[in-house]
């Protein structure tokens, strides 16, 4: 069997999974569940295998990526695995001088502020990230009927790291460039869209069953700015992978006012954070899209009865949706008790069983 056939076989095995059926807005035996950052610091087994291994290095070791990605599937019984990576991995792969500093996040040595800086963003190819291809192959062989979701940061969020030089509360340098030199900004996002699309293509071609675009910081923008300055690049990413026929998920934080535009950008599934009830999120997104979300991650620190009450409210708000994937409204918080996640998966499965 050829490598391409093997990858297609992996996707075929997962094709009728509840997660992929929900993405396609088809009937499901129960509401599927997965969590952003489900493979992470909340798991003691994650902390153990990551001990002494820097974040970026951990993303470049196929066996380690495989183990970390599988950990929450084993422990929690979630309906999908999310590829363990970081949004800056493709930037590092094309030669950007950056590192992920503990307690800080991605830090870029020389921020992108001028047209001359664009030259540092060369195209990405599969040869730049062989560890991604290998890890996806290992994972799809292990996961069987459980789908693997590919991972990438969206152009705006990547640009904000590049322009700010690291995490930012107000995105002042980013907005100054976006408003002050819209032509340079557009060229920057267009180049990042190509890099992001190439990164997702590598994962899909290696066997990923779906992909999610994380636009972590785009909630900092007003709708008019999103439509003009961001949406074309996000749409370019979704268009670039449309031909593969895998579900495309779009997620951002604080994006209640942007949900309709995010749906227009081309995703099949729109993720909502916890600030907007799912029935209202569906109204804003419009028909023809599945919804993902949206329990507040902090709820998991409450007693079990309160968690179940809040989870039941999410399921109730989602009752009339064409397709629903249960998730948190953002990532699992690092100090979350792992058993709380396991119990939540069981509750959602039992409560939503058809």
C-alpha atoms as a PDB file:
ATOM      1  CA  UNK A   1       0.000   0.000   0.000  1.00  0.00           C
ATOM      2  CA  UNK A   2       1.367   3.450  -0.927  1.00  0.00           C
ATOM      3  CA  UNK A   3       1.939   6.097   1.745  1.00  0.00           C
ATOM      4  CA  UNK A   4      -0.891   8.184   0.306  1.00  0.00           C
ATOM      5  CA  UNK A   5      -3.217   5.188   0.475  1.00  0.00           C
ATOM      6  CA  UNK A   6      -2.237   4.540   4.075  1.00  0.00           C
ATOM      7  CA  UNK A   7      -3.056   8.148   5.011  1.00  0.00           C
ATOM      8  CA  UNK A   8      -6.387   7.952   3.214  1.00  0.00           C
ATOM      9  CA  UNK A   9      -7.109   4.669   4.994  1.00  0.00           C
ATOM     10  CA  UNK A  10      -6.539   6.402   8.333  1.00  0.00           C
ATOM     11  CA  UNK A  11      -9.030   9.118   7.425  1.00  0.00           C
ATOM     12  CA  UNK A  12     -11.518   6.536   6.173  1.00  0.00           C
ATOM     13  CA  UNK A  13     -11.337   4.681   9.510  1.00  0.00           C
ATOM     14  CA  UNK A  14     -12.319   7.881  11.315  1.00  0.00           C
ATOM     15  CA  UNK A  15     -14.856   9.055   8.718  1.00  0.00           C
ATOM     16  CA  UNK A  16     -17.954   7.910  10.614  1.00  0.00           C
ATOM     17  CA  UNK A  17     -16.696   9.084  14.014  1.00  0.00           C
ATOM     18  CA  UNK A  18     -19.104  11.290  15.996  1.00  0.00           C
ATOM     19  CA  UNK A  19     -16.674  14.209  15.732  1.00  0.00           C
ATOM     20  CA  UNK A  20     -16.449  14.186  11.941  1.00  0.00           C
ATOM     21  CA  UNK A  21     -20.169  13.530  11.586  1.00  0.00           C
ATOM     22  CA  UNK A  22     -20.896  16.580  13.747  1.00  0.00           C
ATOM     23  CA  UNK A  23     -18.486  18.673  11.660  1.00  0.00           C
ATOM     24  CA  UNK A  24     -20.484  17.640   8.584  1.00  0.00           C
ATOM     25  CA  UNK A  25     -23.777  18.433  10.422  1.00  0.00           C
ATOM     26  CA  UNK A  26     -24.897  14.806  10.259  1.00  0.00           C
ATOM     27  CA  UNK A  27     -26.740  12.839  12.990  1.00  0.00           C
ATOM     28  CA  UNK A  28     -24.496  11.627  15.827  1.00  0.00           C
ATOM     29  CA  UNK A  29     -24.930   8.928  18.531  1.00  0.00           C
ATOM     30  CA  UNK A  30     -23.804  11.475  21.125  1.00  0.00           C
ATOM     31  CA  UNK A  31     -22.355  14.970  21.149  1.00  0.00           C
ATOM     32  CA  UNK A  32     -18.615  14.610  20.502  1.00  0.00           C
ATOM     33  CA  UNK A  33     -16.159  16.189  22.933  1.00  0.00           C
ATOM     34  CA  UNK A  34     -12.585  17.384  22.719  1.00  0.00           C
ATOM     35  CA  UNK A  35     -10.743  20.166  24.524  1.00  0.00           C
ATOM     36  CA  UNK A  36      -8.290  22.788  23.396  1.00  0.00           C
ATOM     37  CA  UNK A  37      -5.010  22.293  25.288  1.00  0.00           C
ATOM     38  CA  UNK A  38      -6.259  18.845  26.318  1.00  0.00           C
ATOM     39  CA  UNK A  39      -2.691  17.603  25.805  1.00  0.00           C
ATOM     40  CA  UNK A  40      -0.912  19.892  28.202  1.00  0.00           C
ATOM     41  CA  UNK A  41       0.120  20.985  31.645  1.00  0.00           C
ATOM     42  CA  UNK A  42      -3.034  19.764  33.386  1.00  0.00           C
ATOM     43  CA  UNK A  43      -1.835  16.175  32.863  1.00  0.00           C
ATOM     44  CA  UNK A  44       0.883  14.793  35.175  1.00  0.00           C
ATOM     45  CA  UNK A  45       1.951  12.380  32.440  1.00  0.00           C
ATOM     46  CA  UNK A  46       2.501  15.376  30.146  1.00  0.00           C
ATOM     47  CA  UNK A  47       4.653  17.160  32.718  1.00  0.00           C
ATOM     48  CA  UNK A  48       6.670  13.986  33.175  1.00  0.00           C
ATOM     49  CA  UNK A  49       7.515  13.445  29.484  1.00  0.00           C
ATOM     50  CA  UNK A  50       8.167  17.177  28.948  1.00  0.00           C
ATOM     51  CA  UNK A  51      10.518  17.437  31.925  1.00  0.00           C
ATOM     52  CA  UNK A  52      13.705  19.161  30.804  1.00  0.00           C
ATOM     53  CA  UNK A  53      12.553  19.443  27.188  1.00  0.00           C
ATOM     54  CA  UNK A  54      12.013  22.991  25.855  1.00  0.00           C
ATOM     55  CA  UNK A  55       8.622  23.609  24.225  1.00  0.00           C
ATOM     56  CA  UNK A  56       9.853  24.091  20.665  1.00  0.00           C
ATOM     57  CA  UNK A  57      12.072  21.029  20.874  1.00  0.00           C
ATOM     58  CA  UNK A  58       9.142  18.967  22.149  1.00  0.00           C
ATOM     59  CA  UNK A  59       7.182  19.965  19.016  1.00  0.00           C
ATOM     60  CA  UNK A  60      10.002  18.649  16.818  1.00  0.00           C
ATOM     61  CA  UNK A  61      10.340  15.133  18.284  1.00  0.00           C
ATOM     62  CA  UNK A  62       7.830  12.871  16.479  1.00  0.00           C
ATOM     63  CA  UNK A  63       7.695  10.186  19.169  1.00  0.00           C
ATOM     64  CA  UNK A  64       7.187  12.803  21.894  1.00  0.00           C
ATOM     65  CA  UNK A  65       4.508  14.633  19.871  1.00  0.00           C
ATOM     66  CA  UNK A  66       2.763  11.289  19.361  1.00  0.00           C
ATOM     67  CA  UNK A  67       2.816  10.400  23.048  1.00  0.00           C
ATOM     68  CA  UNK A  68       1.597  13.830  24.173  1.00  0.00           C
ATOM     69  CA  UNK A  69      -1.200  13.920  21.580  1.00  0.00           C
ATOM     70  CA  UNK A  70      -2.411  10.471  22.640  1.00  0.00           C
ATOM     71  CA  UNK A  71      -2.375  11.113  26.395  1.00  0.00           C
ATOM     72  CA  UNK A  72      -5.788  12.850  26.689  1.00  0.00           C
ATOM     73  CA  UNK A  73      -7.388  10.316  24.335  1.00  0.00           C
ATOM     74  CA  UNK A  74      -6.300   7.528  26.655  1.00  0.00           C
ATOM     75  CA  UNK A  75      -7.164   9.326  29.882  1.00  0.00           C
ATOM     76  CA  UNK A  76     -10.347  11.243  29.039  1.00  0.00           C
ATOM     77  CA  UNK A  77     -11.906   9.232  26.203  1.00  0.00           C
ATOM     78  CA  UNK A  78     -12.312  12.358  24.061  1.00  0.00           C
ATOM     79  CA  UNK A  79     -13.721  12.003  20.551  1.00  0.00           C
ATOM     80  CA  UNK A  80     -10.788  13.635  18.742  1.00  0.00           C
ATOM     81  CA  UNK A  81      -7.073  14.208  19.206  1.00  0.00           C
ATOM     82  CA  UNK A  82      -5.537  17.626  18.555  1.00  0.00           C
ATOM     83  CA  UNK A  83      -2.040  17.578  17.068  1.00  0.00           C
ATOM     84  CA  UNK A  84       0.452  18.735  19.702  1.00  0.00           C
ATOM     85  CA  UNK A  85       2.310  21.739  18.330  1.00  0.00           C
ATOM     86  CA  UNK A  86       2.622  25.484  18.797  1.00  0.00           C
ATOM     87  CA  UNK A  87       1.469  28.285  16.548  1.00  0.00           C
ATOM     88  CA  UNK A  88       5.036  29.551  16.034  1.00  0.00           C
ATOM     89  CA  UNK A  89       6.450  26.196  14.823  1.00  0.00           C
ATOM     90  CA  UNK A  90       6.068  27.086  11.111  1.00  0.00           C
ATOM     91  CA  UNK A  91       7.700  30.484  11.736  1.00  0.00           C
ATOM     92  CA  UNK A  92      10.664  28.790  13.391  1.00  0.00           C
ATOM     93  CA  UNK A  93      10.786  26.331  10.483  1.00  0.00           C
ATOM     94  CA  UNK A  94      11.218  29.105   7.908  1.00  0.00           C
ATOM     95  CA  UNK A  95      14.070  30.647   9.888  1.00  0.00           C
ATOM     96  CA  UNK A  96      12.526  33.274  12.187  1.00  0.00           C
ATOM     97  CA  UNK A  97      14.717  33.755  15.264  1.00  0.00           C
ATOM     98  CA  UNK A  98      12.308  33.056  18.099  1.00  0.00           C
ATOM     99  CA  UNK A  99      11.928  31.011  21.240  1.00  0.00           C
ATOM    100  CA  UNK A 100       9.128  30.080  23.626  1.00  0.00           C
ATOM    101  CA  UNK A 101      10.111  31.346  27.054  1.00  0.00           C
ATOM    102  CA  UNK A 102       8.492  29.664  30.082  1.00  0.00           C
ATOM    103  CA  UNK A 103       5.972  31.930  31.728  1.00  0.00           C
ATOM    104  CA  UNK A 104       6.104  34.403  28.841  1.00  0.00           C
ATOM    105  CA  UNK A 105       5.327  32.678  25.554  1.00  0.00           C
ATOM    106  CA  UNK A 106       6.788  33.140  22.068  1.00  0.00           C
ATOM    107  CA  UNK A 107       9.453  35.862  21.888  1.00  0.00           C
ATOM    108  CA  UNK A 108      10.760  37.082  18.513  1.00  0.00           C
ATOM    109  CA  UNK A 109      14.351  38.331  18.531  1.00  0.00           C
ATOM    110  CA  UNK A 110      13.863  40.894  15.742  1.00  0.00           C
ATOM    111  CA  UNK A 111      10.235  41.995  15.316  1.00  0.00           C
ATOM    112  CA  UNK A 112       8.800  42.529  11.834  1.00  0.00           C
ATOM    113  CA  UNK A 113       8.232  46.263  11.401  1.00  0.00           C
ATOM    114  CA  UNK A 114       9.298  47.151   7.828  1.00  0.00           C
ATOM    115  CA  UNK A 115       8.951  45.931   4.253  1.00  0.00           C
ATOM    116  CA  UNK A 116      12.574  44.738   4.353  1.00  0.00           C
ATOM    117  CA  UNK A 117      11.588  42.405   7.195  1.00  0.00           C
ATOM    118  CA  UNK A 118       9.160  40.549   4.908  1.00  0.00           C
ATOM    119  CA  UNK A 119      12.090  38.886   3.174  1.00  0.00           C
ATOM    120  CA  UNK A 120      12.615  36.773   6.299  1.00  0.00           C
ATOM    121  CA  UNK A 121       9.248  35.072   5.723  1.00  0.00           C
ATOM    122  CA  UNK A 122      10.109  32.613   2.978  1.00  0.00           C
ATOM    123  CA  UNK A 123       7.651  29.927   1.796  1.00  0.00           C
ATOM    124  CA  UNK A 124       7.262  26.771   3.890  1.00  0.00           C
ATOM    125  CA  UNK A 125       7.557  23.284   2.413  1.00  0.00           C
ATOM    126  CA  UNK A 126       7.180  19.790   3.816  1.00  0.00           C
ATOM    127  CA  UNK A 127      10.968  19.489   3.865  1.00  0.00           C
ATOM    128  CA  UNK A 128      11.060  22.201   6.534  1.00  0.00           C
ATOM    129  CA  UNK A 129       8.899  20.177   8.928  1.00  0.00           C
ATOM    130  CA  UNK A 130       9.656  16.461   8.388  1.00  0.00           C
ATOM    131  CA  UNK A 131       8.980  15.875  12.090  1.00  0.00           C
ATOM    132  CA  UNK A 132       5.359  16.967  11.547  1.00  0.00           C
ATOM    133  CA  UNK A 133       4.817  14.479   8.730  1.00  0.00           C
ATOM    134  CA  UNK A 134       6.377  11.687  10.775  1.00  0.00           C
ATOM    135  CA  UNK A 135       4.367  12.503  13.903  1.00  0.00           C
ATOM    136  CA  UNK A 136       1.060  12.605  12.018  1.00  0.00           C
ATOM    137  CA  UNK A 137       1.847   9.246  10.407  1.00  0.00           C
ATOM    138  CA  UNK A 138       2.645   7.713  13.792  1.00  0.00           C
ATOM    139  CA  UNK A 139      -0.518   9.186  15.289  1.00  0.00           C
ATOM    140  CA  UNK A 140      -2.960   8.099  12.608  1.00  0.00           C
ATOM    141  CA  UNK A 141      -1.574   4.555  12.882  1.00  0.00           C
ATOM    142  CA  UNK A 142      -2.244   4.599  16.649  1.00  0.00           C
ATOM    143  CA  UNK A 143      -5.564   6.454  16.697  1.00  0.00           C
ATOM    144  CA  UNK A 144      -7.563   4.132  14.454  1.00  0.00           C
ATOM    145  CA  UNK A 145     -11.133   5.424  14.366  1.00  0.00           C
ATOM    146  CA  UNK A 146     -10.360   8.497  16.485  1.00  0.00           C
ATOM    147  CA  UNK A 147      -9.836  11.547  14.237  1.00  0.00           C
ATOM    148  CA  UNK A 148      -6.714  13.699  14.396  1.00  0.00           C
ATOM    149  CA  UNK A 149      -7.223  17.467  14.150  1.00  0.00           C
ATOM    150  CA  UNK A 150      -4.437  19.420  12.466  1.00  0.00           C
ATOM    151  CA  UNK A 151      -3.188  22.566  14.182  1.00  0.00           C
ATOM    152  CA  UNK A 152      -2.143  26.030  12.979  1.00  0.00           C
ATOM    153  CA  UNK A 153      -2.125  29.625  14.116  1.00  0.00           C
ATOM    154  CA  UNK A 154      -4.071  32.095  11.978  1.00  0.00           C
ATOM    155  CA  UNK A 155      -2.309  34.867  10.041  1.00  0.00           C
ATOM    156  CA  UNK A 156      -3.454  37.708  12.334  1.00  0.00           C
ATOM    157  CA  UNK A 157      -2.262  36.021  15.518  1.00  0.00           C
ATOM    158  CA  UNK A 158       1.066  35.053  13.920  1.00  0.00           C
ATOM    159  CA  UNK A 159       1.461  38.628  12.689  1.00  0.00           C
ATOM    160  CA  UNK A 160       0.758  40.012  16.148  1.00  0.00           C
ATOM    161  CA  UNK A 161       3.583  37.919  17.634  1.00  0.00           C
ATOM    162  CA  UNK A 162       5.937  38.893  14.828  1.00  0.00           C
ATOM    163  CA  UNK A 163       5.171  42.611  15.011  1.00  0.00           C
ATOM    164  CA  UNK A 164       4.974  42.938  18.797  1.00  0.00           C
ATOM    165  CA  UNK A 165       7.973  40.665  19.371  1.00  0.00           C
ATOM    166  CA  UNK A 166       5.972  38.595  21.850  1.00  0.00           C
ATOM    167  CA  UNK A 167       2.612  38.441  23.650  1.00  0.00           C
ATOM    168  CA  UNK A 168       0.822  41.791  23.932  1.00  0.00           C
ATOM    169  CA  UNK A 169      -2.133  43.074  25.918  1.00  0.00           C
ATOM    170  CA  UNK A 170      -3.014  46.016  23.654  1.00  0.00           C
ATOM    171  CA  UNK A 171      -1.408  45.092  20.292  1.00  0.00           C
ATOM    172  CA  UNK A 172      -0.273  48.677  19.816  1.00  0.00           C
ATOM    173  CA  UNK A 173       2.541  47.917  17.349  1.00  0.00           C
ATOM    174  CA  UNK A 174       0.296  45.544  15.421  1.00  0.00           C
ATOM    175  CA  UNK A 175      -2.507  48.076  15.073  1.00  0.00           C
ATOM    176  CA  UNK A 176      -0.064  50.888  14.289  1.00  0.00           C
ATOM    177  CA  UNK A 177       1.244  48.878  11.339  1.00  0.00           C
ATOM    178  CA  UNK A 178      -2.220  47.751  10.250  1.00  0.00           C
ATOM    179  CA  UNK A 179      -3.621  51.312  10.236  1.00  0.00           C
ATOM    180  CA  UNK A 180      -0.424  53.152   9.287  1.00  0.00           C
ATOM    181  CA  UNK A 181       0.768  50.975   6.391  1.00  0.00           C
ATOM    182  CA  UNK A 182      -2.181  48.858   5.269  1.00  0.00           C
ATOM    183  CA  UNK A 183      -0.358  47.750   2.117  1.00  0.00           C
ATOM    184  CA  UNK A 184       2.589  46.336   4.064  1.00  0.00           C
ATOM    185  CA  UNK A 185       0.136  44.776   6.539  1.00  0.00           C
ATOM    186  CA  UNK A 186      -1.776  43.068   3.731  1.00  0.00           C
ATOM    187  CA  UNK A 187       1.439  41.711   2.247  1.00  0.00           C
ATOM    188  CA  UNK A 188       2.534  40.425   5.657  1.00  0.00           C
ATOM    189  CA  UNK A 189      -0.749  38.600   6.257  1.00  0.00           C
ATOM    190  CA  UNK A 190      -0.786  37.242   2.725  1.00  0.00           C
ATOM    191  CA  UNK A 191       2.660  35.745   3.216  1.00  0.00           C
ATOM    192  CA  UNK A 192       1.635  34.297   6.569  1.00  0.00           C
ATOM    193  CA  UNK A 193      -1.495  32.827   4.963  1.00  0.00           C
ATOM    194  CA  UNK A 194       0.715  30.933   2.517  1.00  0.00           C
ATOM    195  CA  UNK A 195       2.924  29.621   5.333  1.00  0.00           C
ATOM    196  CA  UNK A 196      -0.091  28.604   7.413  1.00  0.00           C
ATOM    197  CA  UNK A 197      -1.811  26.886   4.497  1.00  0.00           C
ATOM    198  CA  UNK A 198       1.378  24.963   3.694  1.00  0.00           C
ATOM    199  CA  UNK A 199       1.670  23.874   7.346  1.00  0.00           C
ATOM    200  CA  UNK A 200      -1.911  22.572   7.342  1.00  0.00           C
ATOM    201  CA  UNK A 201      -1.416  20.826   3.993  1.00  0.00           C
ATOM    202  CA  UNK A 202       1.542  18.892   5.405  1.00  0.00           C
ATOM    203  CA  UNK A 203      -0.668  17.624   8.240  1.00  0.00           C
ATOM    204  CA  UNK A 204      -3.617  16.759   5.986  1.00  0.00           C
ATOM    205  CA  UNK A 205      -1.441  14.987   3.439  1.00  0.00           C
ATOM    206  CA  UNK A 206       0.113  12.946   6.254  1.00  0.00           C
ATOM    207  CA  UNK A 207      -3.343  11.850   7.467  1.00  0.00           C
ATOM    208  CA  UNK A 208      -5.068  14.521   9.612  1.00  0.00           C
ATOM    209  CA  UNK A 209      -8.880  14.205   9.431  1.00  0.00           C
ATOM    210  CA  UNK A 210      -9.726  17.861  10.166  1.00  0.00           C
ATOM    211  CA  UNK A 211      -7.898  21.138  10.806  1.00  0.00           C
ATOM    212  CA  UNK A 212      -8.379  24.023  13.210  1.00  0.00           C
ATOM    213  CA  UNK A 213      -7.166  27.568  12.684  1.00  0.00           C
ATOM    214  CA  UNK A 214      -6.477  29.274  16.023  1.00  0.00           C
ATOM    215  CA  UNK A 215      -6.863  33.073  15.900  1.00  0.00           C
ATOM    216  CA  UNK A 216      -6.144  33.632  19.565  1.00  0.00           C
ATOM    217  CA  UNK A 217      -5.785  37.423  19.484  1.00  0.00           C
ATOM    218  CA  UNK A 218      -8.218  38.496  16.754  1.00  0.00           C
ATOM    219  CA  UNK A 219     -10.874  39.409  19.329  1.00  0.00           C
ATOM    220  CA  UNK A 220      -8.854  42.632  19.786  1.00  0.00           C
ATOM    221  CA  UNK A 221     -10.319  43.930  16.503  1.00  0.00           C
ATOM    222  CA  UNK A 222     -13.576  45.652  15.583  1.00  0.00           C
ATOM    223  CA  UNK A 223     -15.667  43.936  12.888  1.00  0.00           C
ATOM    224  CA  UNK A 224     -14.866  46.528  10.205  1.00  0.00           C
ATOM    225  CA  UNK A 225     -11.139  46.079  10.789  1.00  0.00           C
ATOM    226  CA  UNK A 226     -11.484  42.303  10.752  1.00  0.00           C
ATOM    227  CA  UNK A 227     -13.330  42.372   7.443  1.00  0.00           C
ATOM    228  CA  UNK A 228     -10.814  44.669   5.783  1.00  0.00           C
ATOM    229  CA  UNK A 229      -7.499  43.674   7.319  1.00  0.00           C
ATOM    230  CA  UNK A 230      -7.806  40.024   8.409  1.00  0.00           C
ATOM    231  CA  UNK A 231     -10.606  38.152   6.702  1.00  0.00           C
ATOM    232  CA  UNK A 232      -8.897  37.970   3.252  1.00  0.00           C
ATOM    233  CA  UNK A 233      -5.884  36.142   4.724  1.00  0.00           C
ATOM    234  CA  UNK A 234      -7.965  33.741   6.800  1.00  0.00           C
ATOM    235  CA  UNK A 235     -10.142  33.020   3.773  1.00  0.00           C
ATOM    236  CA  UNK A 236      -7.010  32.319   1.722  1.00  0.00           C
ATOM    237  CA  UNK A 237      -5.963  29.644   4.230  1.00  0.00           C
ATOM    238  CA  UNK A 238      -9.364  27.964   4.199  1.00  0.00           C
ATOM    239  CA  UNK A 239      -9.555  28.123   0.401  1.00  0.00           C
ATOM    240  CA  UNK A 240      -6.094  26.573   0.089  1.00  0.00           C
ATOM    241  CA  UNK A 241      -7.133  23.412   1.947  1.00  0.00           C
ATOM    242  CA  UNK A 242     -10.743  23.219   0.709  1.00  0.00           C
ATOM    243  CA  UNK A 243      -9.888  20.672  -1.972  1.00  0.00           C
ATOM    244  CA  UNK A 244      -8.892  18.046   0.587  1.00  0.00           C
ATOM    245  CA  UNK A 245     -12.472  17.681   1.781  1.00  0.00           C
ATOM    246  CA  UNK A 246     -11.582  17.672   5.488  1.00  0.00           C
ATOM    247  CA  UNK A 247     -13.596  19.801   7.944  1.00  0.00           C
ATOM    248  CA  UNK A 248     -12.101  23.219   8.673  1.00  0.00           C
ATOM    249  CA  UNK A 249     -12.627  24.785  12.109  1.00  0.00           C
ATOM    250  CA  UNK A 250     -12.140  28.475  12.939  1.00  0.00           C
ATOM    251  CA  UNK A 251     -11.651  29.593  16.548  1.00  0.00           C
ATOM    252  CA  UNK A 252     -10.830  32.854  18.273  1.00  0.00           C
ATOM    253  CA  UNK A 253     -11.080  34.330  21.761  1.00  0.00           C
ATOM    254  CA  UNK A 254     -13.344  37.296  22.528  1.00  0.00           C
ATOM    255  CA  UNK A 255     -14.796  37.050  19.039  1.00  0.00           C
ATOM    256  CA  UNK A 256     -18.506  37.374  19.826  1.00  0.00           C
ATOM    257  CA  UNK A 257     -18.795  40.423  17.564  1.00  0.00           C
ATOM    258  CA  UNK A 258     -16.845  38.656  14.794  1.00  0.00           C
ATOM    259  CA  UNK A 259     -18.658  35.318  14.643  1.00  0.00           C
ATOM    260  CA  UNK A 260     -20.596  36.106  11.471  1.00  0.00           C
ATOM    261  CA  UNK A 261     -17.467  37.272   9.674  1.00  0.00           C
ATOM    262  CA  UNK A 262     -15.488  34.260  10.887  1.00  0.00           C
ATOM    263  CA  UNK A 263     -18.163  32.060   9.358  1.00  0.00           C
ATOM    264  CA  UNK A 264     -17.905  34.009   6.096  1.00  0.00           C
ATOM    265  CA  UNK A 265     -14.147  33.401   6.008  1.00  0.00           C
ATOM    266  CA  UNK A 266     -14.817  29.833   4.895  1.00  0.00           C
ATOM    267  CA  UNK A 267     -14.724  27.420   7.819  1.00  0.00           C
ATOM    268  CA  UNK A 268     -17.141  24.494   8.124  1.00  0.00           C
ATOM    269  CA  UNK A 269     -17.212  24.788  11.924  1.00  0.00           C
ATOM    270  CA  UNK A 270     -17.043  28.009  13.947  1.00  0.00           C
ATOM    271  CA  UNK A 271     -15.820  27.883  17.539  1.00  0.00           C
ATOM    272  CA  UNK A 272     -17.397  30.207  20.099  1.00  0.00           C
ATOM    273  CA  UNK A 273     -15.844  31.165  23.409  1.00  0.00           C
ATOM    274  CA  UNK A 274     -17.926  31.156  26.610  1.00  0.00           C
ATOM    275  CA  UNK A 275     -19.112  34.766  26.367  1.00  0.00           C
ATOM    276  CA  UNK A 276     -21.897  34.079  23.829  1.00  0.00           C
ATOM    277  CA  UNK A 277     -24.500  31.305  24.299  1.00  0.00           C
ATOM    278  CA  UNK A 278     -24.380  28.771  21.482  1.00  0.00           C
ATOM    279  CA  UNK A 279     -27.899  29.458  20.241  1.00  0.00           C
ATOM    280  CA  UNK A 280     -27.030  33.143  19.895  1.00  0.00           C
ATOM    281  CA  UNK A 281     -23.656  32.248  18.347  1.00  0.00           C
ATOM    282  CA  UNK A 282     -25.489  30.143  15.766  1.00  0.00           C
ATOM    283  CA  UNK A 283     -27.776  33.078  14.958  1.00  0.00           C
ATOM    284  CA  UNK A 284     -24.746  35.313  14.387  1.00  0.00           C
ATOM    285  CA  UNK A 285     -22.855  32.752  12.307  1.00  0.00           C
ATOM    286  CA  UNK A 286     -25.859  31.881  10.154  1.00  0.00           C
ATOM    287  CA  UNK A 287     -26.981  28.572   8.636  1.00  0.00           C
ATOM    288  CA  UNK A 288     -24.770  25.974   7.030  1.00  0.00           C
ATOM    289  CA  UNK A 289     -22.094  25.821   9.749  1.00  0.00           C
ATOM    290  CA  UNK A 290     -21.542  23.538  12.710  1.00  0.00           C
ATOM    291  CA  UNK A 291     -20.731  25.165  16.065  1.00  0.00           C
ATOM    292  CA  UNK A 292     -18.027  24.244  18.575  1.00  0.00           C
ATOM    293  CA  UNK A 293     -17.922  25.159  22.259  1.00  0.00           C
ATOM    294  CA  UNK A 294     -18.322  26.575  24.754  1.00  0.00           C
ATOM    295  CA  UNK A 295     -18.027  25.868  28.499  1.00  0.00           C
ATOM    296  CA  UNK A 296     -15.992  28.429  30.446  1.00  0.00           C
ATOM    297  CA  UNK A 297     -12.701  26.657  31.352  1.00  0.00           C
ATOM    298  CA  UNK A 298     -12.879  28.123  34.863  1.00  0.00           C
ATOM    299  CA  UNK A 299     -16.129  26.247  35.528  1.00  0.00           C
ATOM    300  CA  UNK A 300     -14.074  23.059  35.895  1.00  0.00           C
ATOM    301  CA  UNK A 301     -12.802  24.350  39.257  1.00  0.00           C
ATOM    302  CA  UNK A 302     -16.338  24.336  40.677  1.00  0.00           C
ATOM    303  CA  UNK A 303     -17.950  21.303  42.384  1.00  0.00           C
ATOM    304  CA  UNK A 304     -19.068  18.455  40.129  1.00  0.00           C
ATOM    305  CA  UNK A 305     -22.759  19.364  40.364  1.00  0.00           C
ATOM    306  CA  UNK A 306     -22.048  22.932  39.202  1.00  0.00           C
ATOM    307  CA  UNK A 307     -19.900  21.697  36.308  1.00  0.00           C
ATOM    308  CA  UNK A 308     -22.673  19.372  35.176  1.00  0.00           C
ATOM    309  CA  UNK A 309     -25.278  22.110  35.494  1.00  0.00           C
ATOM    310  CA  UNK A 310     -23.215  24.442  33.305  1.00  0.00           C
ATOM    311  CA  UNK A 311     -22.439  21.661  30.803  1.00  0.00           C
ATOM    312  CA  UNK A 312     -26.145  20.823  30.589  1.00  0.00           C
ATOM    313  CA  UNK A 313     -26.845  24.489  29.825  1.00  0.00           C
ATOM    314  CA  UNK A 314     -24.364  24.374  26.929  1.00  0.00           C
ATOM    315  CA  UNK A 315     -26.019  21.237  25.568  1.00  0.00           C
ATOM    316  CA  UNK A 316     -29.439  22.855  25.936  1.00  0.00           C
ATOM    317  CA  UNK A 317     -28.333  25.965  24.027  1.00  0.00           C
ATOM    318  CA  UNK A 318     -26.952  23.689  21.316  1.00  0.00           C
ATOM    319  CA  UNK A 319     -30.046  21.502  21.074  1.00  0.00           C
ATOM    320  CA  UNK A 320     -31.333  23.081  17.874  1.00  0.00           C
ATOM    321  CA  UNK A 321     -28.005  23.373  16.060  1.00  0.00           C
ATOM    322  CA  UNK A 322     -27.271  21.615  12.772  1.00  0.00           C
ATOM    323  CA  UNK A 323     -24.056  20.253  14.255  1.00  0.00           C
ATOM    324  CA  UNK A 324     -22.412  20.677  17.659  1.00  0.00           C
ATOM    325  CA  UNK A 325     -19.006  19.718  19.037  1.00  0.00           C
ATOM    326  CA  UNK A 326     -18.678  20.184  22.797  1.00  0.00           C
ATOM    327  CA  UNK A 327     -15.524  22.039  23.808  1.00  0.00           C
ATOM    328  CA  UNK A 328     -14.390  24.651  26.263  1.00  0.00           C
ATOM    329  CA  UNK A 329     -14.611  28.313  25.372  1.00  0.00           C
ATOM    330  CA  UNK A 330     -10.803  28.404  25.383  1.00  0.00           C
ATOM    331  CA  UNK A 331      -7.998  26.057  26.427  1.00  0.00           C
ATOM    332  CA  UNK A 332      -7.797  23.815  29.495  1.00  0.00           C
ATOM    333  CA  UNK A 333      -6.253  25.853  32.331  1.00  0.00           C
ATOM    334  CA  UNK A 334      -2.944  24.378  33.581  1.00  0.00           C
ATOM    335  CA  UNK A 335      -4.126  23.688  37.146  1.00  0.00           C
ATOM    336  CA  UNK A 336      -7.345  21.942  36.094  1.00  0.00           C
ATOM    337  CA  UNK A 337      -7.926  18.620  37.861  1.00  0.00           C
ATOM    338  CA  UNK A 338      -7.668  15.938  35.122  1.00  0.00           C
ATOM    339  CA  UNK A 339     -10.491  13.869  36.637  1.00  0.00           C
ATOM    340  CA  UNK A 340     -12.836  16.829  36.177  1.00  0.00           C
ATOM    341  CA  UNK A 341     -12.239  16.629  32.428  1.00  0.00           C
ATOM    342  CA  UNK A 342     -12.784  12.880  32.357  1.00  0.00           C
ATOM    343  CA  UNK A 343     -16.067  13.249  34.256  1.00  0.00           C
ATOM    344  CA  UNK A 344     -17.152  16.041  31.904  1.00  0.00           C
ATOM    345  CA  UNK A 345     -16.600  13.836  28.837  1.00  0.00           C
ATOM    346  CA  UNK A 346     -18.658  11.057  30.441  1.00  0.00           C
ATOM    347  CA  UNK A 347     -21.430  13.488  31.384  1.00  0.00           C
ATOM    348  CA  UNK A 348     -21.704  14.997  27.893  1.00  0.00           C
ATOM    349  CA  UNK A 349     -21.712  11.558  26.267  1.00  0.00           C
ATOM    350  CA  UNK A 350     -24.410  10.227  28.607  1.00  0.00           C
ATOM    351  CA  UNK A 351     -26.553  13.371  28.598  1.00  0.00           C
ATOM    352  CA  UNK A 352     -26.544  13.677  24.802  1.00  0.00           C
ATOM    353  CA  UNK A 353     -26.858   9.971  23.885  1.00  0.00           C
ATOM    354  CA  UNK A 354     -29.489   9.450  21.194  1.00  0.00           C
END
